[in-house]
Amino acid sequence: MTAVEGAAASSVRIIREDSETEMQVNSSEYWDYRFKTDWAECGGPHQTQFFARLLVSLLPEWLKKDVGRGGVAILDYGCAEGDAVPILADAFPGSVVQGVDVARAGIEIARERFPAFRFAVLDQAGARQPEPADVPEPADVIVCSNVLEHFADWKTKLESIGDIAREHVVVLVPFREAAPLFDEHMAAFDYDSLPPRLAAGHYLTHVAVVETTSLPDSRWAGHQLLGVWSRSAPPADGEACLDLDSLDLRGLGEAEIMACLRLAKRGLSRLSQESEMVKQLRTQLRQQQDDAHFRITELNNQLIRTTTNLKNELIEKTTGLANELIRTKTELNNEVWRITVNSANELAGVRAVLDSAEGRLGRLREAVAAHNERLAAVSIELRAQGVNIDLEPCKLSE
């Protein structure tokens, strides 16, 4: 079991179960240790592949045509475990691509993983070590991707790369990396950090900047800077391009190149200030939006509470009215029942009285009829005796 403590700018202490050693950060021993332990675990191969594809995409078209003519020797300087070499070979078929690095452990892994390509070990000064002897130097194009930022004396390292480049030096580094720098980084780069001319005669011909945070499968949060130095390059189609994302500096002298870089830096600084103002405005807008959302939420909650209270009050009143209606209906039903019962009883009494009256009336009619019969008999007897008396029968009025 091992661990790395305090990856400082000068040295790092490696703690093992059986020993404790201190080594220089970014030394060959340091990178040997990284490649043998946590490089793959930390996504190192994927990072190398991402930067290689990014570098190829940022190359100017005139350089792609020059390298793509075939038969060009390309050297990946600081190749780590060699993951960029097959990507460069695919981008420029017909070229011979090789890799070199100061870490023997990384080179051994590269040879095992990519046996179709050649890899060599460099010493700390950047010179080729005797083993293997068949690695050709110099090369037509030297590619150095995310390596120089690991060296405080990166300018010296860049000059040594220029010494072995026949035509072009292509460098990719972090751009305007904010302090504190990443643990293993010793230098930060801006436009005017780049030398307009290398001692070997290469002039700065192209500069490109890209924001990489939002790129697919990004391995760097921030910006990356591409610099190209060329011994000779096709003439520019017009005046030097001063686009902040891509500077075409072909055909310019050192003073002109530096002037363009300073202009680009000032332009980017102004753009950064404007971007900062925009960020502040956006922050204020977001704050206002947050305040508005908070107020809307409060109003929504208040509306919900009011609606709930009204619903509860309506339910309460509706329930009260329903209960009152039930009580009233029950009372009315009871009253109707009482009236109906009383009316039925009274009607029964009336019917009983009528029945009694009809009985008496019937008997009275029978008595009147009997009486009239007797009167009629008497009248007959009297007439027989010669008495002429008219006896009127009794009548009942209707």
Protein backbone atom coordinates (compact mmCIF):
# COMPACT_ATOMS: atom_id res chain seq x y z
CA MET A 1 0.00 0.00 0.00
CA THR A 2 1.34 3.43 -0.93
CA ALA A 3 0.27 7.06 -0.62
CA VAL A 4 1.39 10.46 -1.89
CA GLU A 5 1.63 13.29 0.61
CA GLY A 6 1.86 17.03 -0.12
CA ALA A 7 2.31 17.35 -3.88
CA ALA A 8 4.12 20.66 -3.46
CA ALA A 9 5.96 22.74 -6.04
CA SER A 10 9.35 21.22 -5.21
CA SER A 11 9.10 17.71 -3.82
CA VAL A 12 6.69 15.05 -2.71
CA ARG A 13 6.93 12.47 0.05
CA ILE A 14 5.98 8.89 -0.88
CA ILE A 15 4.89 6.75 2.05
CA ARG A 16 4.99 2.98 1.69
CA GLU A 17 4.29 0.29 4.26
CA ASP A 18 7.99 -0.55 4.44
CA SER A 19 9.69 2.79 3.71
CA GLU A 20 9.30 6.52 3.18
CA THR A 21 11.08 8.43 0.40
CA GLU A 22 11.05 11.98 -0.92
CA MET A 23 11.35 12.77 -4.63
CA GLN A 24 11.30 15.79 -6.91
CA VAL A 25 7.87 16.53 -8.41
CA ASN A 26 7.80 15.91 -12.18
CA SER A 27 11.13 14.05 -12.04
CA SER A 28 11.55 10.77 -13.90
CA GLU A 29 11.31 8.96 -10.55
CA TYR A 30 8.10 10.80 -9.73
CA TRP A 31 6.46 9.89 -13.04
CA ASP A 32 7.74 6.32 -12.82
CA TYR A 33 5.91 6.13 -9.51
CA ARG A 34 2.72 7.67 -10.97
CA PHE A 35 2.64 5.30 -13.95
CA LYS A 36 3.22 2.30 -11.69
CA THR A 37 0.51 3.30 -9.19
CA ASP A 38 -2.41 5.67 -9.77
CA TRP A 39 -2.03 7.06 -13.33
CA ALA A 40 -4.63 4.74 -14.87
CA GLU A 41 -6.85 4.94 -11.79
CA CYS A 42 -6.92 8.75 -12.06
CA GLY A 43 -7.91 8.59 -15.75
CA GLY A 44 -4.47 9.49 -17.16
CA PRO A 45 -4.87 7.52 -20.43
CA HIS A 46 -8.26 9.11 -21.13
CA GLN A 47 -6.78 12.56 -20.42
CA THR A 48 -3.95 11.95 -22.90
CA GLN A 49 -6.44 10.82 -25.56
CA PHE A 50 -8.68 13.85 -24.95
CA PHE A 51 -5.80 16.32 -25.31
CA ALA A 52 -4.50 14.53 -28.43
CA ARG A 53 -7.86 14.78 -30.20
CA LEU A 54 -8.17 18.41 -29.07
CA LEU A 55 -4.70 19.23 -30.44
CA VAL A 56 -5.49 17.72 -33.84
CA SER A 57 -8.80 19.62 -34.02
CA LEU A 58 -7.06 22.95 -33.28
CA LEU A 59 -4.35 22.63 -35.92
CA PRO A 60 -4.70 25.19 -38.74
CA GLU A 61 -5.67 23.81 -42.13
CA TRP A 62 -2.36 24.81 -43.75
CA LEU A 63 -0.46 22.78 -41.13
CA LYS A 64 -2.77 19.79 -41.54
CA LYS A 65 -2.09 19.84 -45.28
CA ASP A 66 1.65 20.11 -44.71
CA VAL A 67 1.73 17.21 -42.23
CA GLY A 68 -0.80 15.21 -44.22
CA ARG A 69 1.35 15.03 -47.33
CA GLY A 70 2.77 11.71 -46.04
CA GLY A 71 6.20 10.55 -45.08
CA VAL A 72 6.37 13.05 -42.20
CA ALA A 73 8.11 12.05 -38.98
CA ILE A 74 6.03 13.04 -35.93
CA LEU A 75 7.39 12.78 -32.39
CA ASP A 76 5.14 12.92 -29.31
CA TYR A 77 7.37 14.59 -26.71
CA GLY A 78 6.25 13.59 -23.19
CA CYS A 79 4.03 10.75 -24.45
CA ALA A 80 3.32 9.20 -20.99
CA GLU A 81 1.92 5.73 -21.73
CA GLY A 82 1.70 6.44 -25.47
CA ASP A 83 -2.09 6.91 -25.76
CA ALA A 84 -1.78 9.90 -28.12
CA VAL A 85 0.49 8.14 -30.64
CA PRO A 86 -2.20 6.02 -32.40
CA ILE A 87 -4.50 9.06 -32.48
CA LEU A 88 -1.83 11.13 -34.27
CA ALA A 89 -1.16 8.21 -36.63
CA ASP A 90 -4.88 7.98 -37.50
CA ALA A 91 -5.06 11.74 -38.06
CA PHE A 92 -2.04 11.70 -40.40
CA PRO A 93 -1.88 8.35 -42.20
CA GLY A 94 1.39 7.80 -44.01
CA SER A 95 3.37 9.58 -41.30
CA VAL A 96 5.76 7.89 -38.90
CA VAL A 97 4.67 8.62 -35.32
CA GLN A 98 6.85 7.86 -32.31
CA GLY A 99 6.83 8.74 -28.60
CA VAL A 100 9.39 9.70 -25.97
CA ASP A 101 9.15 10.35 -22.23
CA VAL A 102 11.46 10.68 -19.22
CA ALA A 103 9.57 7.96 -17.33
CA ARG A 104 10.84 4.50 -18.17
CA ALA A 105 7.73 2.94 -16.57
CA GLY A 106 5.48 4.86 -18.95
CA ILE A 107 7.56 3.87 -21.99
CA GLU A 108 7.50 0.20 -20.98
CA ILE A 109 3.70 0.33 -20.72
CA ALA A 110 3.50 2.14 -24.08
CA ARG A 111 5.62 -0.52 -25.80
CA GLU A 112 3.45 -3.26 -24.36
CA ARG A 113 0.16 -1.62 -25.32
CA PHE A 114 1.18 -0.26 -28.72
CA PRO A 115 3.80 -2.62 -30.19
CA ALA A 116 3.30 -1.22 -33.69
CA PHE A 117 4.95 2.08 -32.68
CA ARG A 118 8.39 3.01 -31.42
CA PHE A 119 8.99 4.58 -28.02
CA ALA A 120 12.17 5.82 -26.33
CA VAL A 121 13.25 7.00 -22.89
CA LEU A 122 14.63 10.53 -22.43
CA ASP A 123 16.91 11.63 -19.65
CA GLN A 124 16.00 14.51 -17.36
CA ALA A 125 17.65 17.01 -19.73
CA GLY A 126 15.46 15.79 -22.57
CA ALA A 127 18.16 13.91 -24.47
CA ARG A 128 17.57 10.49 -25.95
CA GLN A 129 18.98 7.64 -23.88
CA PRO A 130 20.99 4.96 -25.64
CA GLU A 131 18.16 2.45 -25.36
CA PRO A 132 16.50 1.93 -27.83
CA ALA A 133 18.99 3.09 -30.47
CA ASP A 134 16.61 2.98 -33.46
CA VAL A 135 14.44 5.94 -32.48
CA PRO A 136 15.12 8.62 -35.11
CA GLU A 137 15.77 12.21 -34.12
CA PRO A 138 15.24 14.89 -35.10
CA ALA A 139 11.62 14.75 -36.36
CA ASP A 140 9.70 16.89 -38.83
CA VAL A 141 6.98 17.73 -36.30
CA ILE A 142 7.36 17.68 -32.51
CA VAL A 143 4.07 17.49 -30.60
CA CYS A 144 4.16 18.40 -26.90
CA SER A 145 0.72 18.11 -25.29
CA ASN A 146 0.16 19.33 -21.70
CA VAL A 147 3.78 18.82 -20.71
CA LEU A 148 5.46 22.26 -20.47
CA GLU A 149 3.24 23.41 -17.58
CA HIS A 150 5.00 20.79 -15.41
CA PHE A 151 8.33 22.67 -15.66
CA ALA A 152 9.30 25.97 -14.06
CA ASP A 153 11.98 26.32 -16.78
CA TRP A 154 9.53 25.49 -19.55
CA LYS A 155 11.16 27.98 -21.94
CA THR A 156 14.41 26.02 -21.78
CA LYS A 157 12.47 22.82 -22.40
CA LEU A 158 10.71 24.44 -25.37
CA GLU A 159 14.05 25.52 -26.84
CA SER A 160 15.40 21.97 -26.53
CA ILE A 161 12.32 20.72 -28.38
CA GLY A 162 12.94 23.29 -31.11
CA ASP A 163 16.49 21.96 -31.50
CA ILE A 164 15.16 18.58 -32.72
CA ALA A 165 12.24 19.87 -34.84
CA ARG A 166 12.99 20.13 -38.57
CA GLU A 167 9.83 22.05 -39.41
CA HIS A 168 7.17 22.49 -36.74
CA VAL A 169 6.79 22.54 -32.95
CA VAL A 170 3.19 22.10 -31.73
CA VAL A 171 2.49 22.79 -28.05
CA LEU A 172 -0.76 22.44 -26.11
CA VAL A 173 -0.89 23.86 -22.55
CA PRO A 174 -3.49 25.15 -20.06
CA PHE A 175 -4.39 28.79 -20.79
CA ARG A 176 -4.68 31.39 -18.04
CA GLU A 177 -4.81 28.77 -15.32
CA ALA A 178 -5.88 30.55 -12.16
CA ALA A 179 -3.81 30.42 -8.98
CA PRO A 180 -3.30 28.24 -7.09
CA LEU A 181 -2.12 26.08 -9.95
CA PHE A 182 -2.85 22.38 -10.21
CA ASP A 183 -0.57 20.40 -7.84
CA GLU A 184 1.88 19.24 -10.53
CA HIS A 185 1.84 22.49 -12.57
CA MET A 186 4.76 24.88 -12.23
CA ALA A 187 3.87 27.51 -14.87
CA ALA A 188 0.85 29.37 -16.21
CA PHE A 189 0.48 30.61 -19.79
CA ASP A 190 -1.02 33.68 -21.43
CA TYR A 191 -0.72 35.04 -24.97
CA ASP A 192 2.46 37.01 -24.28
CA SER A 193 4.05 34.04 -22.48
CA LEU A 194 4.87 32.48 -25.83
CA PRO A 195 8.22 33.40 -27.38
CA PRO A 196 7.83 34.84 -30.91
CA ARG A 197 10.91 32.94 -32.10
CA LEU A 198 12.87 29.87 -30.97
CA ALA A 199 16.66 29.85 -31.03
CA ALA A 200 16.63 27.11 -33.68
CA GLY A 201 14.86 29.46 -36.08
CA HIS A 202 11.19 28.57 -35.64
CA TYR A 203 8.77 31.51 -35.66
CA LEU A 204 5.43 31.52 -33.87
CA THR A 205 2.97 31.04 -36.74
CA HIS A 206 -0.31 30.10 -35.10
CA VAL A 207 -2.05 30.48 -31.73
CA ALA A 208 -5.47 29.09 -30.82
CA VAL A 209 -7.49 29.17 -27.59
CA VAL A 210 -10.48 26.98 -26.79
CA GLU A 211 -12.75 26.61 -23.77
CA THR A 212 -12.76 22.91 -22.87
CA THR A 213 -15.03 22.70 -19.82
CA SER A 214 -18.18 21.97 -21.80
CA LEU A 215 -16.61 19.75 -24.48
CA PRO A 216 -17.77 16.12 -24.63
CA ASP A 217 -15.77 13.89 -22.26
CA SER A 218 -13.73 16.93 -21.20
CA ARG A 219 -10.66 16.31 -19.06
CA TRP A 220 -9.90 19.97 -18.32
CA ALA A 221 -12.07 22.62 -16.69
CA GLY A 222 -10.94 25.88 -18.26
CA HIS A 223 -9.14 26.83 -21.48
CA GLN A 224 -6.35 25.28 -23.52
CA LEU A 225 -3.77 27.18 -25.59
CA LEU A 226 -2.25 25.81 -28.81
CA GLY A 227 1.01 27.29 -30.09
CA VAL A 228 2.72 26.41 -33.37
CA TRP A 229 6.30 27.39 -34.24
CA SER A 230 7.49 26.78 -37.82
CA ARG A 231 10.78 27.15 -39.66
CA SER A 232 8.84 27.83 -42.82
CA ALA A 233 5.14 28.10 -43.50
CA PRO A 234 2.98 28.97 -46.50
CA PRO A 235 2.20 32.69 -46.67
CA ALA A 236 -0.97 33.91 -45.03
CA ASP A 237 -3.99 34.60 -47.23
CA GLY A 238 -4.06 38.18 -46.00
CA GLU A 239 -3.04 40.22 -43.00
CA ALA A 240 -2.40 38.52 -39.70
CA CYS A 241 -5.60 37.30 -38.09
CA LEU A 242 -6.23 38.77 -34.63
CA ASP A 243 -9.25 36.69 -33.71
CA LEU A 244 -8.92 35.99 -29.97
CA ASP A 245 -9.69 32.32 -30.59
CA SER A 246 -7.17 31.87 -33.40
CA LEU A 247 -4.13 34.00 -34.30
CA ASP A 248 -2.59 33.45 -37.75
CA LEU A 249 0.92 34.91 -37.46
CA ARG A 250 2.57 33.55 -40.61
CA GLY A 251 5.06 35.84 -42.27
CA LEU A 252 5.42 38.23 -39.31
CA GLY A 253 8.65 39.23 -37.60
CA GLU A 254 9.37 38.91 -33.89
CA ALA A 255 8.32 42.45 -33.04
CA GLU A 256 5.11 42.11 -35.03
CA ILE A 257 4.30 38.76 -33.43
CA MET A 258 4.82 40.21 -29.94
CA ALA A 259 2.65 43.19 -30.82
CA CYS A 260 -0.12 40.85 -31.97
CA LEU A 261 0.19 38.77 -28.80
CA ARG A 262 0.01 41.89 -26.63
CA LEU A 263 -3.01 43.12 -28.56
CA ALA A 264 -4.66 39.73 -28.14
CA LYS A 265 -3.93 39.76 -24.41
CA ARG A 266 -5.33 43.27 -23.98
CA GLY A 267 -8.35 42.36 -26.07
CA LEU A 268 -8.91 39.25 -24.02
CA SER A 269 -8.47 41.27 -20.82
CA ARG A 270 -11.14 43.72 -21.96
CA LEU A 271 -13.28 40.80 -23.00
CA SER A 272 -12.69 39.22 -19.59
CA GLN A 273 -13.73 42.48 -17.90
CA GLU A 274 -16.85 42.61 -20.03
CA SER A 275 -17.46 38.94 -19.29
CA GLU A 276 -17.07 39.68 -15.59
CA MET A 277 -19.61 42.51 -15.91
CA VAL A 278 -21.92 40.15 -17.75
CA LYS A 279 -21.42 37.58 -14.98
CA GLN A 280 -22.26 40.20 -12.37
CA LEU A 281 -25.36 41.22 -14.30
CA ARG A 282 -26.30 37.58 -14.66
CA THR A 283 -25.74 37.12 -10.93
CA GLN A 284 -27.97 40.10 -10.19
CA LEU A 285 -30.55 38.80 -12.64
CA ARG A 286 -30.42 35.36 -11.03
CA GLN A 287 -30.82 37.03 -7.62
CA GLN A 288 -33.81 38.99 -8.90
CA GLN A 289 -35.20 35.82 -10.42
CA ASP A 290 -34.64 34.00 -7.14
CA ASP A 291 -36.37 36.84 -5.28
CA ALA A 292 -39.23 36.77 -7.77
CA HIS A 293 -39.49 32.99 -7.49
CA PHE A 294 -39.44 33.30 -3.69
CA ARG A 295 -42.19 35.94 -3.80
CA ILE A 296 -44.20 33.85 -6.26
CA THR A 297 -43.79 30.86 -3.96
CA GLU A 298 -44.98 32.94 -1.03
CA LEU A 299 -47.99 34.16 -3.03
CA ASN A 300 -48.74 30.63 -4.16
CA ASN A 301 -48.56 29.41 -0.57
CA GLN A 302 -50.77 32.28 0.56
CA LEU A 303 -53.22 31.50 -2.25
CA ILE A 304 -53.22 27.84 -1.25
CA ARG A 305 -53.86 28.77 2.39
CA THR A 306 -56.66 31.19 1.44
CA THR A 307 -58.23 28.68 -0.94
CA THR A 308 -58.00 25.96 1.71
CA ASN A 309 -59.60 28.24 4.31
CA LEU A 310 -62.38 29.20 1.90
CA LYS A 311 -62.95 25.55 1.01
CA ASN A 312 -63.09 24.60 4.69
CA GLU A 313 -65.43 27.49 5.44
CA LEU A 314 -67.64 26.57 2.48
CA ILE A 315 -67.68 22.94 3.58
CA GLU A 316 -68.56 24.00 7.13
CA LYS A 317 -71.39 26.30 5.96
CA THR A 318 -72.65 23.74 3.47
CA THR A 319 -72.64 21.08 6.17
CA GLY A 320 -74.53 23.44 8.52
CA LEU A 321 -77.09 24.29 5.86
CA ALA A 322 -77.49 20.62 5.00
CA ASN A 323 -78.01 19.74 8.66
CA GLU A 324 -80.48 22.63 9.05
CA LEU A 325 -82.32 21.49 5.94
CA ILE A 326 -82.49 17.96 7.30
CA ARG A 327 -83.83 19.23 10.63
CA THR A 328 -86.43 21.46 8.91
CA LYS A 329 -87.46 18.66 6.59
CA THR A 330 -87.79 16.29 9.54
CA GLU A 331 -89.90 18.81 11.45
CA LEU A 332 -92.09 19.39 8.38
CA ASN A 333 -92.49 15.66 7.90
CA ASN A 334 -93.45 15.26 11.56
CA GLU A 335 -95.90 18.15 11.33
CA VAL A 336 -97.45 16.74 8.16
CA TRP A 337 -97.70 13.36 9.89
CA ARG A 338 -99.41 14.92 12.93
CA ILE A 339 -101.81 16.90 10.73
CA THR A 340 -102.54 13.83 8.67
CA VAL A 341 -103.19 11.71 11.77
CA ASN A 342 -105.37 14.41 13.38
CA SER A 343 -107.29 14.95 10.15
CA ALA A 344 -107.84 11.23 9.82
CA ASN A 345 -109.10 11.04 13.39
CA GLU A 346 -111.40 14.06 12.87
CA LEU A 347 -112.68 12.59 9.60
CA ALA A 348 -113.37 9.30 11.34
CA GLY A 349 -115.40 11.21 14.01
CA VAL A 350 -117.32 13.10 11.37
CA ARG A 351 -118.07 9.87 9.56
CA ALA A 352 -119.26 8.31 12.84
CA VAL A 353 -121.57 11.32 13.45
CA LEU A 354 -122.84 11.12 9.89
CA ASP A 355 -123.43 7.42 10.21
CA SER A 356 -125.36 8.02 13.48
CA ALA A 357 -127.36 10.86 11.89
CA GLU A 358 -128.18 8.71 8.88
CA GLY A 359 -129.39 5.97 11.26
CA ARG A 360 -131.66 8.36 13.12
CA LEU A 361 -132.87 9.86 9.85
CA GLY A 362 -133.69 6.40 8.58
CA ARG A 363 -135.63 5.58 11.67
CA LEU A 364 -137.40 8.94 11.46
CA ARG A 365 -138.36 8.26 7.87
CA GLU A 366 -139.70 4.89 8.91
CA ALA A 367 -141.73 6.54 11.71
CA VAL A 368 -143.07 9.20 9.29
CA ALA A 369 -143.96 6.51 6.77
CA ALA A 370 -145.82 4.50 9.47
CA HIS A 371 -147.57 7.67 10.63
CA ASN A 372 -148.63 8.52 7.09
CA GLU A 373 -149.97 5.01 6.71
CA ARG A 374 -152.06 5.41 9.85
CA LEU A 375 -153.30 8.81 8.60
CA ALA A 376 -154.31 7.30 5.36
CA ALA A 377 -156.21 4.52 7.21
CA VAL A 378 -157.95 7.02 9.43
CA SER A 379 -158.92 9.13 6.38
CA ILE A 380 -160.46 6.09 4.77
CA GLU A 381 -162.43 5.22 7.94
CA LEU A 382 -163.73 8.78 8.26
CA ARG A 383 -164.91 8.95 4.68
CA ALA A 384 -166.66 5.72 5.24
CA GLN A 385 -168.49 7.29 8.16
CA GLY A 386 -169.33 10.29 6.01
CA VAL A 387 -166.78 12.62 7.45
CA ASN A 388 -165.00 14.38 4.75
CA ILE A 389 -161.69 15.39 6.28
CA ASP A 390 -158.57 15.66 4.21
CA LEU A 391 -155.66 14.61 6.31
CA GLU A 392 -152.31 15.70 4.83
CA PRO A 393 -149.47 13.24 5.14
CA CYS A 394 -146.27 14.33 6.92
CA LYS A 395 -143.24 15.16 4.75
CA LEU A 396 -139.58 15.34 5.63
CA SER A 397 -137.70 18.17 3.98
CA GLU A 398 -134.51 17.22 2.20
